[in-house]
Amino acid sequence: LVDALLKKGVNVTALFGPEHGIRGTAAAGKKVGDSTDPATGLPVYSLYGKTTKPSPDMLSGVDVLLFDIQDIGARYYTYAGTMAFAMEAAAQNGKSFVVLDRPNPVNGADVEGPVLDMGFRSLVGMFPVPTRHGLTMGELAKMIIGEGWIDDTRLSLEVVEMEGWKRSMWYDGTGLPWIPPSPNMKTLATATVYPGTCLIEATNLSEGR
């Protein structure tokens, strides 16, 4: 994304990395430190290390926060929480927030599982949505604002919608290549069973990865 933006002449001043790092290669749960992007020389601020929320200093040279991360359609995945904290920071620091929407890989029509018990709220699952929520990240961003799920909802939010996506589509129906959004999410088949198999992570059993 950063290469494409720079090629288009966009003034990119900073990068922000979620869990798994800016390139999606860090192991699950591994804390990631701040760094410098070797290709561009831009600062990379980790949102899965010392902090999960951009600070005013991190945003000092930023006018617009652009969010473009592939989610996997399950409530328990940290990217949605990272997006929410970034939205909150943007609102509190007078920055605009733009979401480049991407497909829900396990389709946007099927909704399954219980709604989160908010007593167990964490970065892994922050919002009272079902296990398999059927939303895109852009739709979830709008819902976060509409439902008042962050501390400051006075946010200038823009969602750049997809062209050609239908709610019934699974990812393999989009014609887009599957690029693993995290190291263990190697295939669409993994994303398909993840809403069920992830529950085993709370036990002493192996998922069989």
N, C-alpha and C. Protein backbone atom coordinates (compact mmCIF):
# COMPACT_ATOMS: atom_id res chain seq x y z
N LEU A 1 0.83 -1.20 0.00
CA LEU A 1 0.00 0.00 0.00
C LEU A 1 0.87 1.25 0.00
N VAL A 2 1.89 1.28 0.85
CA VAL A 2 2.70 2.50 0.94
C VAL A 2 3.40 2.78 -0.38
N ASP A 3 3.86 1.73 -1.07
CA ASP A 3 4.52 1.93 -2.36
C ASP A 3 3.55 2.53 -3.38
N ALA A 4 2.29 2.02 -3.38
CA ALA A 4 1.29 2.54 -4.31
C ALA A 4 0.95 3.99 -4.01
N LEU A 5 0.84 4.32 -2.73
CA LEU A 5 0.52 5.70 -2.35
C LEU A 5 1.64 6.66 -2.76
N LEU A 6 2.87 6.26 -2.50
CA LEU A 6 4.00 7.12 -2.87
C LEU A 6 4.09 7.29 -4.38
N LYS A 7 3.80 6.23 -5.13
CA LYS A 7 3.82 6.30 -6.58
C LYS A 7 2.77 7.28 -7.10
N LYS A 8 1.65 7.39 -6.35
CA LYS A 8 0.57 8.31 -6.72
C LYS A 8 0.85 9.74 -6.24
N GLY A 9 1.96 9.94 -5.54
CA GLY A 9 2.31 11.28 -5.08
C GLY A 9 1.71 11.67 -3.75
N VAL A 10 1.16 10.68 -3.01
CA VAL A 10 0.60 10.97 -1.68
C VAL A 10 1.74 11.21 -0.70
N ASN A 11 1.59 12.22 0.14
CA ASN A 11 2.61 12.53 1.15
C ASN A 11 2.40 11.63 2.37
N VAL A 12 3.06 10.50 2.37
CA VAL A 12 2.96 9.56 3.49
C VAL A 12 4.01 9.95 4.53
N THR A 13 3.56 10.16 5.77
CA THR A 13 4.49 10.64 6.81
C THR A 13 4.79 9.60 7.87
N ALA A 14 3.95 8.57 8.02
CA ALA A 14 4.18 7.56 9.05
C ALA A 14 3.38 6.31 8.71
N LEU A 15 3.86 5.17 9.20
CA LEU A 15 3.16 3.90 9.06
C LEU A 15 2.83 3.37 10.45
N PHE A 16 1.70 2.66 10.55
CA PHE A 16 1.26 2.11 11.83
C PHE A 16 1.00 0.62 11.64
N GLY A 17 1.64 -0.19 12.48
CA GLY A 17 1.54 -1.63 12.33
C GLY A 17 0.70 -2.28 13.41
N PRO A 18 -0.19 -3.23 13.04
CA PRO A 18 -1.02 -3.95 14.00
C PRO A 18 -0.27 -5.18 14.53
N GLU A 19 -0.98 -6.09 15.18
CA GLU A 19 -0.40 -7.39 15.52
C GLU A 19 0.14 -8.01 14.23
N HIS A 20 1.23 -8.74 14.34
CA HIS A 20 1.92 -9.38 13.21
C HIS A 20 2.79 -8.40 12.42
N GLY A 21 2.81 -7.12 12.82
CA GLY A 21 3.71 -6.17 12.19
C GLY A 21 3.21 -5.61 10.88
N ILE A 22 3.97 -4.67 10.35
CA ILE A 22 3.56 -3.95 9.15
C ILE A 22 3.53 -4.85 7.92
N ARG A 23 4.30 -5.96 7.96
CA ARG A 23 4.33 -6.89 6.82
C ARG A 23 3.54 -8.17 7.09
N GLY A 24 2.92 -8.27 8.27
CA GLY A 24 2.10 -9.43 8.56
C GLY A 24 2.87 -10.71 8.81
N THR A 25 4.12 -10.59 9.29
CA THR A 25 4.96 -11.78 9.43
C THR A 25 5.29 -12.14 10.88
N ALA A 26 5.02 -11.25 11.84
CA ALA A 26 5.34 -11.53 13.24
C ALA A 26 4.38 -12.58 13.80
N ALA A 27 4.87 -13.42 14.69
CA ALA A 27 4.08 -14.52 15.24
C ALA A 27 2.91 -14.00 16.06
N ALA A 28 1.89 -14.83 16.19
CA ALA A 28 0.70 -14.46 16.95
C ALA A 28 1.07 -14.14 18.40
N GLY A 29 0.59 -13.00 18.88
CA GLY A 29 0.83 -12.61 20.26
C GLY A 29 2.19 -12.02 20.54
N LYS A 30 3.08 -12.01 19.55
CA LYS A 30 4.42 -11.46 19.76
C LYS A 30 4.38 -9.94 19.71
N LYS A 31 4.89 -9.30 20.75
CA LYS A 31 4.92 -7.85 20.79
C LYS A 31 5.89 -7.32 19.73
N VAL A 32 5.49 -6.24 19.09
CA VAL A 32 6.27 -5.66 18.00
C VAL A 32 6.72 -4.26 18.40
N GLY A 33 7.97 -3.95 18.14
CA GLY A 33 8.50 -2.64 18.49
C GLY A 33 8.40 -1.65 17.34
N ASP A 34 8.62 -0.36 17.64
CA ASP A 34 8.70 0.65 16.60
C ASP A 34 9.94 0.40 15.74
N SER A 35 9.89 0.88 14.50
CA SER A 35 11.02 0.64 13.59
C SER A 35 11.01 1.68 12.49
N THR A 36 11.90 1.49 11.55
CA THR A 36 11.95 2.32 10.34
C THR A 36 11.77 1.41 9.14
N ASP A 37 10.90 1.78 8.23
CA ASP A 37 10.68 0.98 7.03
C ASP A 37 11.89 1.10 6.12
N PRO A 38 12.61 -0.01 5.87
CA PRO A 38 13.86 0.09 5.10
C PRO A 38 13.65 0.55 3.66
N ALA A 39 12.47 0.28 3.09
CA ALA A 39 12.23 0.64 1.69
C ALA A 39 12.00 2.13 1.50
N THR A 40 11.38 2.78 2.49
CA THR A 40 10.99 4.18 2.33
C THR A 40 11.63 5.13 3.34
N GLY A 41 12.18 4.56 4.42
CA GLY A 41 12.73 5.39 5.48
C GLY A 41 11.70 5.99 6.40
N LEU A 42 10.44 5.59 6.24
CA LEU A 42 9.37 6.15 7.06
C LEU A 42 9.35 5.50 8.44
N PRO A 43 8.96 6.25 9.46
CA PRO A 43 8.82 5.65 10.79
C PRO A 43 7.63 4.69 10.82
N VAL A 44 7.83 3.57 11.49
CA VAL A 44 6.75 2.59 11.67
C VAL A 44 6.43 2.53 13.16
N TYR A 45 5.24 2.94 13.53
CA TYR A 45 4.80 2.91 14.92
C TYR A 45 4.00 1.64 15.17
N SER A 46 4.41 0.89 16.15
CA SER A 46 3.71 -0.36 16.46
C SER A 46 2.49 -0.09 17.32
N LEU A 47 1.37 -0.67 16.94
CA LEU A 47 0.15 -0.62 17.75
C LEU A 47 -0.11 -1.98 18.40
N TYR A 48 0.96 -2.76 18.51
CA TYR A 48 0.90 -4.04 19.21
C TYR A 48 2.21 -4.26 19.96
N GLY A 49 2.52 -3.28 20.81
CA GLY A 49 3.74 -3.33 21.59
C GLY A 49 3.52 -2.59 22.89
N LYS A 50 4.15 -1.43 23.01
CA LYS A 50 3.99 -0.62 24.21
C LYS A 50 2.61 0.03 24.27
N THR A 51 1.99 0.21 23.12
CA THR A 51 0.68 0.84 23.07
C THR A 51 -0.17 0.20 21.98
N THR A 52 -1.48 0.30 22.12
CA THR A 52 -2.40 -0.17 21.07
C THR A 52 -3.11 1.00 20.40
N LYS A 53 -2.74 2.21 20.79
CA LYS A 53 -3.44 3.40 20.31
C LYS A 53 -2.43 4.47 19.90
N PRO A 54 -2.56 5.06 18.73
CA PRO A 54 -1.64 6.12 18.33
C PRO A 54 -1.66 7.28 19.33
N SER A 55 -0.48 7.75 19.68
CA SER A 55 -0.36 8.88 20.61
C SER A 55 -0.39 10.19 19.84
N PRO A 56 -0.63 11.32 20.55
CA PRO A 56 -0.59 12.62 19.86
C PRO A 56 0.74 12.87 19.16
N ASP A 57 1.85 12.43 19.75
CA ASP A 57 3.16 12.61 19.11
C ASP A 57 3.25 11.83 17.80
N MET A 58 2.73 10.60 17.80
CA MET A 58 2.74 9.79 16.57
C MET A 58 1.93 10.45 15.46
N LEU A 59 0.88 11.17 15.85
CA LEU A 59 -0.03 11.77 14.88
C LEU A 59 0.31 13.22 14.54
N SER A 60 1.41 13.72 15.08
CA SER A 60 1.71 15.15 14.93
C SER A 60 1.90 15.57 13.48
N GLY A 61 2.43 14.67 12.65
CA GLY A 61 2.65 15.01 11.25
C GLY A 61 1.62 14.41 10.32
N VAL A 62 0.49 13.97 10.88
CA VAL A 62 -0.53 13.26 10.12
C VAL A 62 -1.80 14.10 10.00
N ASP A 63 -2.37 14.16 8.80
CA ASP A 63 -3.67 14.81 8.60
C ASP A 63 -4.79 13.77 8.50
N VAL A 64 -4.48 12.64 7.84
CA VAL A 64 -5.48 11.60 7.59
C VAL A 64 -4.88 10.25 7.95
N LEU A 65 -5.62 9.46 8.72
CA LEU A 65 -5.24 8.07 8.97
C LEU A 65 -5.97 7.19 7.97
N LEU A 66 -5.21 6.40 7.22
CA LEU A 66 -5.77 5.53 6.18
C LEU A 66 -5.65 4.08 6.66
N PHE A 67 -6.80 3.41 6.80
CA PHE A 67 -6.82 2.03 7.28
C PHE A 67 -7.11 1.08 6.12
N ASP A 68 -6.19 0.16 5.88
CA ASP A 68 -6.35 -0.80 4.78
C ASP A 68 -5.77 -2.13 5.22
N ILE A 69 -6.55 -2.91 5.97
CA ILE A 69 -6.09 -4.21 6.49
C ILE A 69 -7.16 -5.25 6.20
N GLN A 70 -6.74 -6.41 5.70
CA GLN A 70 -7.66 -7.50 5.42
C GLN A 70 -8.05 -8.20 6.72
N ASP A 71 -9.34 -8.22 7.03
CA ASP A 71 -9.87 -8.93 8.20
C ASP A 71 -10.29 -10.33 7.77
N ILE A 72 -10.74 -11.16 8.73
CA ILE A 72 -11.11 -12.53 8.39
C ILE A 72 -12.55 -12.88 8.77
N GLY A 73 -13.33 -11.90 9.22
CA GLY A 73 -14.76 -12.11 9.41
C GLY A 73 -15.17 -12.74 10.72
N ALA A 74 -14.22 -12.91 11.64
CA ALA A 74 -14.53 -13.45 12.97
C ALA A 74 -14.33 -12.37 14.02
N ARG A 75 -15.15 -12.41 15.08
CA ARG A 75 -15.05 -11.40 16.13
C ARG A 75 -13.68 -11.42 16.79
N TYR A 76 -13.15 -12.59 17.05
CA TYR A 76 -11.86 -12.65 17.74
C TYR A 76 -10.70 -12.61 16.76
N TYR A 77 -10.25 -11.39 16.55
CA TYR A 77 -9.11 -11.08 15.70
C TYR A 77 -8.76 -9.64 16.04
N THR A 78 -7.50 -9.31 16.21
CA THR A 78 -7.15 -8.02 16.81
C THR A 78 -7.28 -6.82 15.87
N TYR A 79 -7.39 -7.05 14.58
CA TYR A 79 -7.36 -5.92 13.64
C TYR A 79 -8.53 -4.96 13.85
N ALA A 80 -9.69 -5.48 14.19
CA ALA A 80 -10.85 -4.61 14.42
C ALA A 80 -10.61 -3.72 15.64
N GLY A 81 -10.01 -4.29 16.70
CA GLY A 81 -9.69 -3.50 17.87
C GLY A 81 -8.66 -2.43 17.58
N THR A 82 -7.66 -2.78 16.78
CA THR A 82 -6.65 -1.80 16.37
C THR A 82 -7.30 -0.66 15.60
N MET A 83 -8.22 -1.00 14.70
CA MET A 83 -8.94 0.02 13.95
C MET A 83 -9.71 0.94 14.89
N ALA A 84 -10.39 0.38 15.88
CA ALA A 84 -11.20 1.18 16.81
C ALA A 84 -10.33 2.14 17.61
N PHE A 85 -9.18 1.66 18.12
CA PHE A 85 -8.29 2.54 18.88
C PHE A 85 -7.73 3.66 17.99
N ALA A 86 -7.44 3.33 16.72
CA ALA A 86 -6.94 4.34 15.79
C ALA A 86 -8.03 5.36 15.48
N MET A 87 -9.26 4.89 15.36
CA MET A 87 -10.39 5.80 15.14
C MET A 87 -10.55 6.75 16.31
N GLU A 88 -10.45 6.21 17.51
CA GLU A 88 -10.60 7.02 18.72
C GLU A 88 -9.49 8.07 18.80
N ALA A 89 -8.26 7.66 18.48
CA ALA A 89 -7.14 8.61 18.49
C ALA A 89 -7.33 9.69 17.44
N ALA A 90 -7.84 9.30 16.27
CA ALA A 90 -8.08 10.29 15.21
C ALA A 90 -9.12 11.32 15.66
N ALA A 91 -10.20 10.85 16.28
CA ALA A 91 -11.24 11.76 16.77
C ALA A 91 -10.70 12.71 17.82
N GLN A 92 -9.92 12.19 18.73
CA GLN A 92 -9.41 13.00 19.85
C GLN A 92 -8.34 13.99 19.42
N ASN A 93 -7.71 13.74 18.26
CA ASN A 93 -6.64 14.62 17.81
C ASN A 93 -6.99 15.38 16.53
N GLY A 94 -8.28 15.37 16.18
CA GLY A 94 -8.74 16.16 15.05
C GLY A 94 -8.25 15.68 13.69
N LYS A 95 -8.07 14.38 13.54
CA LYS A 95 -7.62 13.81 12.28
C LYS A 95 -8.78 13.10 11.57
N SER A 96 -8.74 13.09 10.25
CA SER A 96 -9.72 12.35 9.48
C SER A 96 -9.32 10.87 9.43
N PHE A 97 -10.32 10.01 9.20
CA PHE A 97 -10.07 8.57 9.17
C PHE A 97 -10.74 7.99 7.93
N VAL A 98 -9.96 7.29 7.11
CA VAL A 98 -10.47 6.70 5.87
C VAL A 98 -10.23 5.20 5.92
N VAL A 99 -11.28 4.43 5.64
CA VAL A 99 -11.16 2.97 5.56
C VAL A 99 -11.29 2.56 4.09
N LEU A 100 -10.26 1.89 3.58
CA LEU A 100 -10.36 1.27 2.26
C LEU A 100 -10.96 -0.11 2.49
N ASP A 101 -12.21 -0.28 2.12
CA ASP A 101 -12.92 -1.50 2.50
C ASP A 101 -12.42 -2.70 1.69
N ARG A 102 -12.49 -3.86 2.34
CA ARG A 102 -12.09 -5.13 1.73
C ARG A 102 -13.17 -6.18 2.00
N PRO A 103 -13.17 -7.28 1.23
CA PRO A 103 -14.22 -8.29 1.41
C PRO A 103 -14.15 -8.98 2.78
N ASN A 104 -15.31 -9.37 3.27
CA ASN A 104 -15.36 -10.34 4.36
C ASN A 104 -15.11 -11.70 3.70
N PRO A 105 -13.99 -12.36 4.01
CA PRO A 105 -13.63 -13.56 3.24
C PRO A 105 -14.59 -14.73 3.40
N VAL A 106 -15.33 -14.78 4.52
CA VAL A 106 -16.27 -15.89 4.73
C VAL A 106 -17.70 -15.45 4.47
N ASN A 107 -17.85 -14.48 3.63
CA ASN A 107 -19.07 -13.86 3.09
C ASN A 107 -19.74 -12.91 4.09
N GLY A 108 -20.59 -12.06 3.55
CA GLY A 108 -21.27 -11.06 4.37
C GLY A 108 -22.73 -11.36 4.59
N ALA A 109 -23.12 -12.61 4.34
CA ALA A 109 -24.53 -12.98 4.48
C ALA A 109 -24.79 -13.87 5.69
N ASP A 110 -23.84 -14.72 6.02
CA ASP A 110 -24.03 -15.68 7.11
C ASP A 110 -23.52 -15.10 8.43
N VAL A 111 -24.39 -15.04 9.41
CA VAL A 111 -24.05 -14.54 10.75
C VAL A 111 -24.30 -15.67 11.73
N GLU A 112 -23.28 -16.01 12.53
CA GLU A 112 -23.36 -17.17 13.41
C GLU A 112 -22.69 -16.91 14.75
N GLY A 113 -23.14 -17.63 15.77
CA GLY A 113 -22.47 -17.63 17.07
C GLY A 113 -23.02 -16.61 18.03
N PRO A 114 -22.58 -16.71 19.29
CA PRO A 114 -23.08 -15.80 20.33
C PRO A 114 -22.47 -14.42 20.23
N VAL A 115 -23.18 -13.45 20.78
CA VAL A 115 -22.66 -12.09 20.90
C VAL A 115 -21.71 -12.02 22.09
N LEU A 116 -20.66 -11.22 21.97
CA LEU A 116 -19.65 -11.12 23.02
C LEU A 116 -20.25 -10.71 24.36
N ASP A 117 -19.89 -11.43 25.42
CA ASP A 117 -20.14 -11.00 26.78
C ASP A 117 -19.12 -9.91 27.09
N MET A 118 -19.56 -8.66 27.25
CA MET A 118 -18.64 -7.53 27.37
C MET A 118 -17.79 -7.58 28.63
N GLY A 119 -18.09 -8.50 29.54
CA GLY A 119 -17.22 -8.71 30.69
C GLY A 119 -15.89 -9.31 30.29
N PHE A 120 -15.81 -9.85 29.08
CA PHE A 120 -14.58 -10.46 28.58
C PHE A 120 -13.99 -9.64 27.45
N ARG A 121 -14.32 -8.37 27.38
CA ARG A 121 -13.84 -7.49 26.32
C ARG A 121 -12.32 -7.34 26.37
N SER A 122 -11.68 -7.44 25.23
CA SER A 122 -10.24 -7.24 25.12
C SER A 122 -9.92 -6.84 23.69
N LEU A 123 -8.64 -6.61 23.40
CA LEU A 123 -8.25 -6.27 22.04
C LEU A 123 -8.63 -7.38 21.06
N VAL A 124 -8.66 -8.61 21.54
CA VAL A 124 -9.00 -9.75 20.67
C VAL A 124 -10.47 -9.71 20.28
N GLY A 125 -11.33 -9.22 21.16
CA GLY A 125 -12.74 -9.07 20.87
C GLY A 125 -13.30 -7.91 21.65
N MET A 126 -13.68 -6.82 20.96
CA MET A 126 -14.04 -5.59 21.67
C MET A 126 -15.52 -5.23 21.61
N PHE A 127 -16.27 -5.82 20.67
CA PHE A 127 -17.60 -5.31 20.42
C PHE A 127 -18.67 -6.40 20.53
N PRO A 128 -19.89 -6.02 20.92
CA PRO A 128 -20.97 -7.00 21.08
C PRO A 128 -21.57 -7.42 19.74
N VAL A 129 -20.75 -8.14 18.99
CA VAL A 129 -21.19 -8.70 17.70
C VAL A 129 -21.03 -10.21 17.76
N PRO A 130 -21.72 -10.95 16.90
CA PRO A 130 -21.61 -12.41 16.91
C PRO A 130 -20.20 -12.89 16.54
N THR A 131 -19.94 -14.15 16.83
CA THR A 131 -18.66 -14.75 16.50
C THR A 131 -18.31 -14.55 15.03
N ARG A 132 -19.23 -14.87 14.18
CA ARG A 132 -19.08 -14.64 12.74
C ARG A 132 -20.05 -13.52 12.40
N HIS A 133 -19.52 -12.30 12.21
CA HIS A 133 -20.38 -11.11 12.22
C HIS A 133 -20.91 -10.70 10.86
N GLY A 134 -20.36 -11.20 9.76
CA GLY A 134 -20.89 -10.88 8.44
C GLY A 134 -20.60 -9.47 7.95
N LEU A 135 -19.73 -8.74 8.65
CA LEU A 135 -19.45 -7.34 8.29
C LEU A 135 -18.11 -7.20 7.58
N THR A 136 -17.99 -6.16 6.78
CA THR A 136 -16.68 -5.73 6.31
C THR A 136 -16.10 -4.77 7.34
N MET A 137 -14.83 -4.45 7.20
CA MET A 137 -14.23 -3.52 8.15
C MET A 137 -14.84 -2.13 8.03
N GLY A 138 -15.19 -1.74 6.82
CA GLY A 138 -15.84 -0.44 6.63
C GLY A 138 -17.19 -0.38 7.30
N GLU A 139 -17.95 -1.47 7.19
CA GLU A 139 -19.25 -1.54 7.85
C GLU A 139 -19.09 -1.54 9.36
N LEU A 140 -18.08 -2.26 9.85
CA LEU A 140 -17.84 -2.28 11.29
C LEU A 140 -17.43 -0.90 11.79
N ALA A 141 -16.63 -0.18 11.01
CA ALA A 141 -16.23 1.18 11.41
C ALA A 141 -17.46 2.08 11.55
N LYS A 142 -18.39 1.98 10.60
CA LYS A 142 -19.62 2.77 10.69
C LYS A 142 -20.45 2.37 11.91
N MET A 143 -20.46 1.08 12.21
CA MET A 143 -21.23 0.58 13.35
C MET A 143 -20.62 1.05 14.68
N ILE A 144 -19.28 1.08 14.72
CA ILE A 144 -18.58 1.55 15.92
C ILE A 144 -19.00 2.99 16.25
N ILE A 145 -19.08 3.83 15.22
CA ILE A 145 -19.49 5.22 15.42
C ILE A 145 -20.98 5.29 15.75
N GLY A 146 -21.78 4.57 14.98
CA GLY A 146 -23.23 4.64 15.16
C GLY A 146 -23.70 4.15 16.51
N GLU A 147 -23.01 3.14 17.04
CA GLU A 147 -23.39 2.57 18.34
C GLU A 147 -22.65 3.23 19.51
N GLY A 148 -21.73 4.14 19.22
CA GLY A 148 -20.99 4.82 20.30
C GLY A 148 -20.06 3.91 21.05
N TRP A 149 -19.37 3.00 20.35
CA TRP A 149 -18.53 2.01 21.00
C TRP A 149 -17.12 2.51 21.29
N ILE A 150 -16.78 3.74 20.89
CA ILE A 150 -15.51 4.33 21.29
C ILE A 150 -15.81 5.59 22.09
N ASP A 151 -14.80 6.06 22.82
CA ASP A 151 -15.02 7.16 23.76
C ASP A 151 -15.38 8.47 23.07
N ASP A 152 -14.88 8.68 21.87
CA ASP A 152 -15.14 9.94 21.16
C ASP A 152 -15.61 9.60 19.76
N THR A 153 -16.87 9.86 19.47
CA THR A 153 -17.44 9.51 18.16
C THR A 153 -17.51 10.71 17.22
N ARG A 154 -16.88 11.82 17.60
CA ARG A 154 -16.87 12.99 16.73
C ARG A 154 -15.77 12.81 15.68
N LEU A 155 -15.94 11.85 14.83
CA LEU A 155 -14.89 11.46 13.90
C LEU A 155 -15.31 11.76 12.48
N SER A 156 -14.40 12.32 11.70
CA SER A 156 -14.59 12.47 10.27
C SER A 156 -14.21 11.14 9.62
N LEU A 157 -15.23 10.31 9.36
CA LEU A 157 -15.01 8.95 8.84
C LEU A 157 -15.47 8.86 7.39
N GLU A 158 -14.62 8.30 6.55
CA GLU A 158 -14.98 8.02 5.16
C GLU A 158 -14.65 6.57 4.87
N VAL A 159 -15.59 5.84 4.32
CA VAL A 159 -15.37 4.46 3.90
C VAL A 159 -15.38 4.41 2.38
N VAL A 160 -14.28 4.00 1.80
CA VAL A 160 -14.19 3.83 0.34
C VAL A 160 -14.70 2.43 0.03
N GLU A 161 -15.90 2.37 -0.53
CA GLU A 161 -16.56 1.08 -0.73
C GLU A 161 -15.95 0.30 -1.89
N MET A 162 -16.15 -1.00 -1.86
CA MET A 162 -15.65 -1.88 -2.91
C MET A 162 -16.57 -1.82 -4.13
N GLU A 163 -16.01 -2.17 -5.26
CA GLU A 163 -16.79 -2.30 -6.49
C GLU A 163 -16.90 -3.78 -6.82
N GLY A 164 -18.12 -4.24 -7.10
CA GLY A 164 -18.31 -5.61 -7.56
C GLY A 164 -18.47 -6.65 -6.48
N TRP A 165 -18.35 -6.26 -5.22
CA TRP A 165 -18.49 -7.25 -4.15
C TRP A 165 -19.97 -7.45 -3.81
N LYS A 166 -20.36 -8.72 -3.64
CA LYS A 166 -21.70 -9.06 -3.21
C LYS A 166 -21.63 -9.79 -1.88
N ARG A 167 -22.65 -9.61 -1.05
CA ARG A 167 -22.62 -10.17 0.30
C ARG A 167 -22.49 -11.69 0.30
N SER A 168 -22.97 -12.32 -0.75
CA SER A 168 -22.94 -13.78 -0.81
C SER A 168 -21.56 -14.34 -1.16
N MET A 169 -20.64 -13.47 -1.55
CA MET A 169 -19.33 -13.93 -2.03
C MET A 169 -18.44 -14.45 -0.91
N TRP A 170 -17.83 -15.59 -1.14
CA TRP A 170 -16.67 -16.02 -0.38
C TRP A 170 -15.44 -15.45 -1.08
N TYR A 171 -14.32 -15.45 -0.39
CA TYR A 171 -13.15 -14.76 -0.95
C TYR A 171 -12.72 -15.35 -2.28
N ASP A 172 -12.84 -16.66 -2.45
CA ASP A 172 -12.40 -17.26 -3.70
C ASP A 172 -13.31 -16.90 -4.88
N GLY A 173 -14.42 -16.26 -4.59
CA GLY A 173 -15.29 -15.78 -5.65
C GLY A 173 -15.00 -14.36 -6.10
N THR A 174 -14.06 -13.71 -5.43
CA THR A 174 -13.75 -12.30 -5.76
C THR A 174 -12.73 -12.18 -6.88
N GLY A 175 -11.96 -13.24 -7.13
CA GLY A 175 -10.88 -13.16 -8.11
C GLY A 175 -9.61 -12.53 -7.57
N LEU A 176 -9.62 -12.14 -6.30
CA LEU A 176 -8.45 -11.54 -5.67
C LEU A 176 -7.52 -12.64 -5.13
N PRO A 177 -6.21 -12.40 -5.15
CA PRO A 177 -5.29 -13.39 -4.58
C PRO A 177 -5.41 -13.41 -3.06
N TRP A 178 -5.25 -14.58 -2.46
CA TRP A 178 -5.26 -14.69 -1.00
C TRP A 178 -3.86 -14.40 -0.48
N ILE A 179 -3.72 -13.32 0.24
CA ILE A 179 -2.46 -12.97 0.91
C ILE A 179 -2.70 -13.14 2.40
N PRO A 180 -2.00 -14.06 3.07
CA PRO A 180 -2.29 -14.34 4.48
C PRO A 180 -2.29 -13.07 5.33
N PRO A 181 -3.40 -12.72 5.98
CA PRO A 181 -3.43 -11.54 6.84
C PRO A 181 -2.66 -11.72 8.14
N SER A 182 -2.34 -12.96 8.48
CA SER A 182 -1.46 -13.28 9.61
C SER A 182 -0.79 -14.62 9.30
N PRO A 183 0.34 -14.92 9.97
CA PRO A 183 1.13 -16.09 9.57
C PRO A 183 0.38 -17.42 9.59
N ASN A 184 -0.57 -17.60 10.52
CA ASN A 184 -1.29 -18.87 10.61
C ASN A 184 -2.58 -18.91 9.79
N MET A 185 -2.92 -17.78 9.15
CA MET A 185 -4.14 -17.72 8.34
C MET A 185 -3.75 -17.89 6.87
N LYS A 186 -3.23 -19.07 6.55
CA LYS A 186 -2.57 -19.26 5.26
C LYS A 186 -3.53 -19.44 4.09
N THR A 187 -4.76 -19.88 4.37
CA THR A 187 -5.70 -20.17 3.29
C THR A 187 -7.11 -19.73 3.67
N LEU A 188 -7.99 -19.68 2.68
CA LEU A 188 -9.40 -19.41 2.94
C LEU A 188 -10.00 -20.53 3.79
N ALA A 189 -9.53 -21.77 3.58
CA ALA A 189 -10.04 -22.89 4.38
C ALA A 189 -9.77 -22.65 5.86
N THR A 190 -8.61 -22.08 6.19
CA THR A 190 -8.28 -21.76 7.58
C THR A 190 -9.26 -20.74 8.13
N ALA A 191 -9.52 -19.68 7.35
CA ALA A 191 -10.46 -18.64 7.78
C ALA A 191 -11.86 -19.21 7.95
N THR A 192 -12.21 -20.20 7.14
CA THR A 192 -13.55 -20.79 7.19
C THR A 192 -13.78 -21.53 8.50
N VAL A 193 -12.77 -22.28 8.96
CA VAL A 193 -12.95 -23.06 10.19
C VAL A 193 -12.54 -22.29 11.45
N TYR A 194 -11.87 -21.15 11.27
CA TYR A 194 -11.34 -20.39 12.41
C TYR A 194 -12.39 -19.98 13.44
N PRO A 195 -13.60 -19.56 13.05
CA PRO A 195 -14.60 -19.19 14.08
C PRO A 195 -14.90 -20.33 15.05
N GLY A 196 -14.66 -21.57 14.64
CA GLY A 196 -14.86 -22.70 15.55
C GLY A 196 -13.57 -23.16 16.20
N THR A 197 -12.52 -23.31 15.39
CA THR A 197 -11.27 -23.86 15.93
C THR A 197 -10.58 -22.91 16.90
N CYS A 198 -10.80 -21.61 16.76
CA CYS A 198 -10.15 -20.66 17.68
C CYS A 198 -10.60 -20.88 19.12
N LEU A 199 -11.80 -21.42 19.30
CA LEU A 199 -12.29 -21.69 20.66
C LEU A 199 -11.38 -22.68 21.39
N ILE A 200 -10.72 -23.56 20.64
CA ILE A 200 -9.83 -24.57 21.24
C ILE A 200 -8.60 -23.90 21.85
N GLU A 201 -8.26 -22.68 21.41
CA GLU A 201 -7.08 -21.99 21.95
C GLU A 201 -7.23 -21.70 23.44
N ALA A 202 -8.46 -21.72 23.96
CA ALA A 202 -8.69 -21.48 25.39
C ALA A 202 -8.54 -22.76 26.21
N THR A 203 -8.14 -23.85 25.57
CA THR A 203 -7.98 -25.13 26.27
C THR A 203 -6.52 -25.59 26.18
N ASN A 204 -6.24 -26.77 26.71
CA ASN A 204 -4.89 -27.33 26.60
C ASN A 204 -4.80 -28.34 25.46
N LEU A 205 -5.73 -28.23 24.50
CA LEU A 205 -5.73 -29.09 23.33
C LEU A 205 -5.05 -28.37 22.17
N SER A 206 -4.61 -29.14 21.18
CA SER A 206 -3.99 -28.57 19.98
C SER A 206 -5.03 -28.40 18.89
N GLU A 207 -4.95 -27.27 18.20
CA GLU A 207 -5.83 -27.04 17.05
C GLU A 207 -5.43 -27.89 15.85
N GLY A 208 -4.23 -28.40 15.87
CA GLY A 208 -3.75 -29.20 14.74
C GLY A 208 -3.24 -28.37 13.59
N ARG A 209 -2.74 -27.17 13.88
CA ARG A 209 -2.20 -26.33 12.81
C ARG A 209 -0.93 -26.96 12.25
